[in-house]
């Protein structure tokens, strides 16, 4: 029986509010800009945004700005987990390319995962959200433990 890493619970504590906020924004606005979340050393979850000064910034620019701020917090020892949420395209195994909410999650103890939630917008049914899929992460905040 494999032991679940203890930091996995903290990553899940970040995942839920980020997914909910992204889903709510899609339902209300039809889109969302990248945003993030962190867990500080006291275990408090906080959501965060980045402002490039542009009314409609490029998503990659916002993601990089978020990651830069989180790296600074991580280097200063202020956070123990970080997540960045953004709109993406995804091809599930055996499926066709689809829109997806992407949440890149990292913990300072080394655990990291990229979670994708495919979604579609029906003409009369609103947004439909698919099952979560975990894929290999791209680390942006914490350096991998050697």
Protein backbone atom coordinates (compact mmCIF):
# COMPACT_ATOMS: atom_id res chain seq x y z
CA UNK A 1 0.00 0.00 0.00
CA UNK A 2 1.51 3.35 -1.00
CA UNK A 3 1.55 6.20 1.47
CA UNK A 4 -0.01 9.44 0.24
CA UNK A 5 2.42 12.37 0.59
CA UNK A 6 1.16 14.72 3.36
CA UNK A 7 1.57 17.78 1.12
CA UNK A 8 -1.04 16.33 -1.27
CA UNK A 9 -3.80 17.47 1.11
CA UNK A 10 -2.50 21.04 0.88
CA UNK A 11 -2.41 20.91 -2.91
CA UNK A 12 -6.02 19.72 -2.90
CA UNK A 13 -6.89 22.58 -0.53
CA UNK A 14 -5.60 24.93 -3.25
CA UNK A 15 -7.18 23.09 -6.17
CA UNK A 16 -10.80 23.28 -5.02
CA UNK A 17 -11.16 27.09 -4.64
CA UNK A 18 -9.20 27.76 -7.84
CA UNK A 19 -11.37 25.42 -9.91
CA UNK A 20 -14.54 26.84 -8.37
CA UNK A 21 -13.50 30.44 -9.09
CA UNK A 22 -12.52 29.60 -12.71
CA UNK A 23 -15.83 27.77 -13.27
CA UNK A 24 -17.78 30.69 -11.77
CA UNK A 25 -15.95 33.19 -14.00
CA UNK A 26 -16.64 31.07 -17.09
CA UNK A 27 -20.33 30.89 -16.22
CA UNK A 28 -20.62 34.64 -15.49
CA UNK A 29 -18.15 36.17 -17.98
CA UNK A 30 -17.46 33.42 -20.52
CA UNK A 31 -13.72 33.66 -19.79
CA UNK A 32 -11.19 34.25 -17.04
CA UNK A 33 -7.70 35.69 -16.78
CA UNK A 34 -4.95 33.64 -15.12
CA UNK A 35 -4.88 33.87 -11.34
CA UNK A 36 -3.27 31.95 -8.54
CA UNK A 37 -3.35 30.80 -4.98
CA UNK A 38 -0.87 30.16 -2.22
CA UNK A 39 -0.70 28.52 1.18
CA UNK A 40 1.38 30.46 3.68
CA UNK A 41 3.38 29.00 6.56
CA UNK A 42 0.34 29.21 8.86
CA UNK A 43 -1.69 27.07 6.45
CA UNK A 44 -3.86 29.95 5.21
CA UNK A 45 -5.09 29.74 1.61
CA UNK A 46 -5.08 32.99 -0.34
CA UNK A 47 -6.06 33.82 -3.91
CA UNK A 48 -3.88 36.18 -5.92
CA UNK A 49 -3.96 38.05 -9.22
CA UNK A 50 -1.41 39.90 -11.31
CA UNK A 51 -1.85 43.20 -13.11
CA UNK A 52 0.22 43.93 -16.20
CA UNK A 53 -1.37 47.36 -16.62
CA UNK A 54 -3.07 46.16 -19.82
CA UNK A 55 -6.87 45.92 -20.03
CA UNK A 56 -6.58 42.62 -21.98
CA UNK A 57 -3.14 41.20 -21.26
CA UNK A 58 -1.72 38.10 -22.91
CA UNK A 59 -2.38 35.09 -20.65
CA UNK A 60 1.25 33.93 -20.78
CA UNK A 61 2.37 37.37 -19.56
CA UNK A 62 0.03 37.14 -16.57
CA UNK A 63 1.15 33.57 -15.81
CA UNK A 64 4.80 34.67 -15.83
CA UNK A 65 4.04 37.64 -13.57
CA UNK A 66 2.19 35.39 -11.12
CA UNK A 67 5.05 32.85 -11.13
CA UNK A 68 7.62 35.60 -10.57
CA UNK A 69 5.77 36.89 -7.52
CA UNK A 70 5.31 33.39 -6.13
CA UNK A 71 9.01 32.55 -6.68
CA UNK A 72 9.90 35.64 -4.63
CA UNK A 73 7.54 34.52 -1.86
CA UNK A 74 8.97 30.99 -1.98
CA UNK A 75 12.57 32.27 -1.86
CA UNK A 76 11.68 34.41 1.15
CA UNK A 77 10.19 31.34 2.86
CA UNK A 78 6.71 32.91 3.02
CA UNK A 79 4.73 30.16 1.27
CA UNK A 80 4.75 26.39 1.24
CA UNK A 81 2.44 25.77 -1.71
CA UNK A 82 1.48 27.64 -4.86
CA UNK A 83 -0.91 27.21 -7.76
CA UNK A 84 -1.53 29.02 -11.02
CA UNK A 85 -4.86 28.63 -12.85
CA UNK A 86 -5.30 29.49 -16.52
CA UNK A 87 -7.44 28.71 -19.55
CA UNK A 88 -5.84 26.19 -21.87
CA UNK A 89 -6.39 23.67 -24.65
CA UNK A 90 -6.04 19.98 -23.87
CA UNK A 91 -6.20 16.68 -25.72
CA UNK A 92 -7.37 13.92 -23.38
CA UNK A 93 -6.16 10.42 -24.08
CA UNK A 94 -8.20 9.04 -26.97
CA UNK A 95 -10.15 12.27 -27.35
CA UNK A 96 -10.26 15.46 -29.37
CA UNK A 97 -8.65 18.75 -28.40
CA UNK A 98 -10.87 20.75 -26.04
CA UNK A 99 -10.85 23.83 -23.85
CA UNK A 100 -9.71 23.16 -20.30
CA UNK A 101 -9.12 24.84 -16.99
CA UNK A 102 -5.47 24.17 -16.12
CA UNK A 103 -4.21 24.33 -12.54
CA UNK A 104 -0.48 23.97 -11.99
CA UNK A 105 0.13 23.02 -8.34
CA UNK A 106 3.47 22.89 -6.52
CA UNK A 107 4.57 22.26 -2.94
CA UNK A 108 7.93 23.17 -1.45
CA UNK A 109 8.31 19.56 -0.29
CA UNK A 110 8.53 18.49 -3.93
CA UNK A 111 5.04 17.33 -4.88
CA UNK A 112 3.75 18.91 -8.10
CA UNK A 113 0.95 18.21 -10.56
CA UNK A 114 -0.82 19.87 -13.47
CA UNK A 115 -4.57 19.26 -13.28
CA UNK A 116 -6.71 19.76 -16.37
CA UNK A 117 -10.50 20.00 -16.34
CA UNK A 118 -11.94 19.87 -19.86
CA UNK A 119 -15.00 22.02 -20.48
CA UNK A 120 -17.41 22.90 -23.25
CA UNK A 121 -20.18 25.42 -23.66
CA UNK A 122 -23.49 24.13 -24.89
CA UNK A 123 -25.78 26.41 -26.83
CA UNK A 124 -28.64 25.90 -24.37
CA UNK A 125 -27.02 24.08 -21.47
CA UNK A 126 -24.30 26.51 -20.38
CA UNK A 127 -20.89 25.22 -19.41
CA UNK A 128 -20.25 21.51 -18.94
CA UNK A 129 -17.18 20.51 -16.94
CA UNK A 130 -15.47 17.15 -17.43
CA UNK A 131 -13.46 14.89 -15.18
CA UNK A 132 -10.15 16.08 -13.76
CA UNK A 133 -7.04 14.71 -15.44
CA UNK A 134 -3.56 14.89 -13.87
CA UNK A 135 -0.58 15.34 -16.18
CA UNK A 136 3.13 16.03 -15.71
CA UNK A 137 3.67 19.49 -14.23
CA UNK A 138 5.79 22.34 -15.45
CA UNK A 139 7.47 23.74 -12.34
CA UNK A 140 7.41 27.54 -12.17
CA UNK A 141 7.67 28.38 -8.47
CA UNK A 142 9.61 25.85 -6.40
CA UNK A 143 12.81 24.24 -7.64
CA UNK A 144 12.69 20.43 -7.73
CA UNK A 145 14.21 18.80 -4.67
CA UNK A 146 17.52 17.22 -5.54
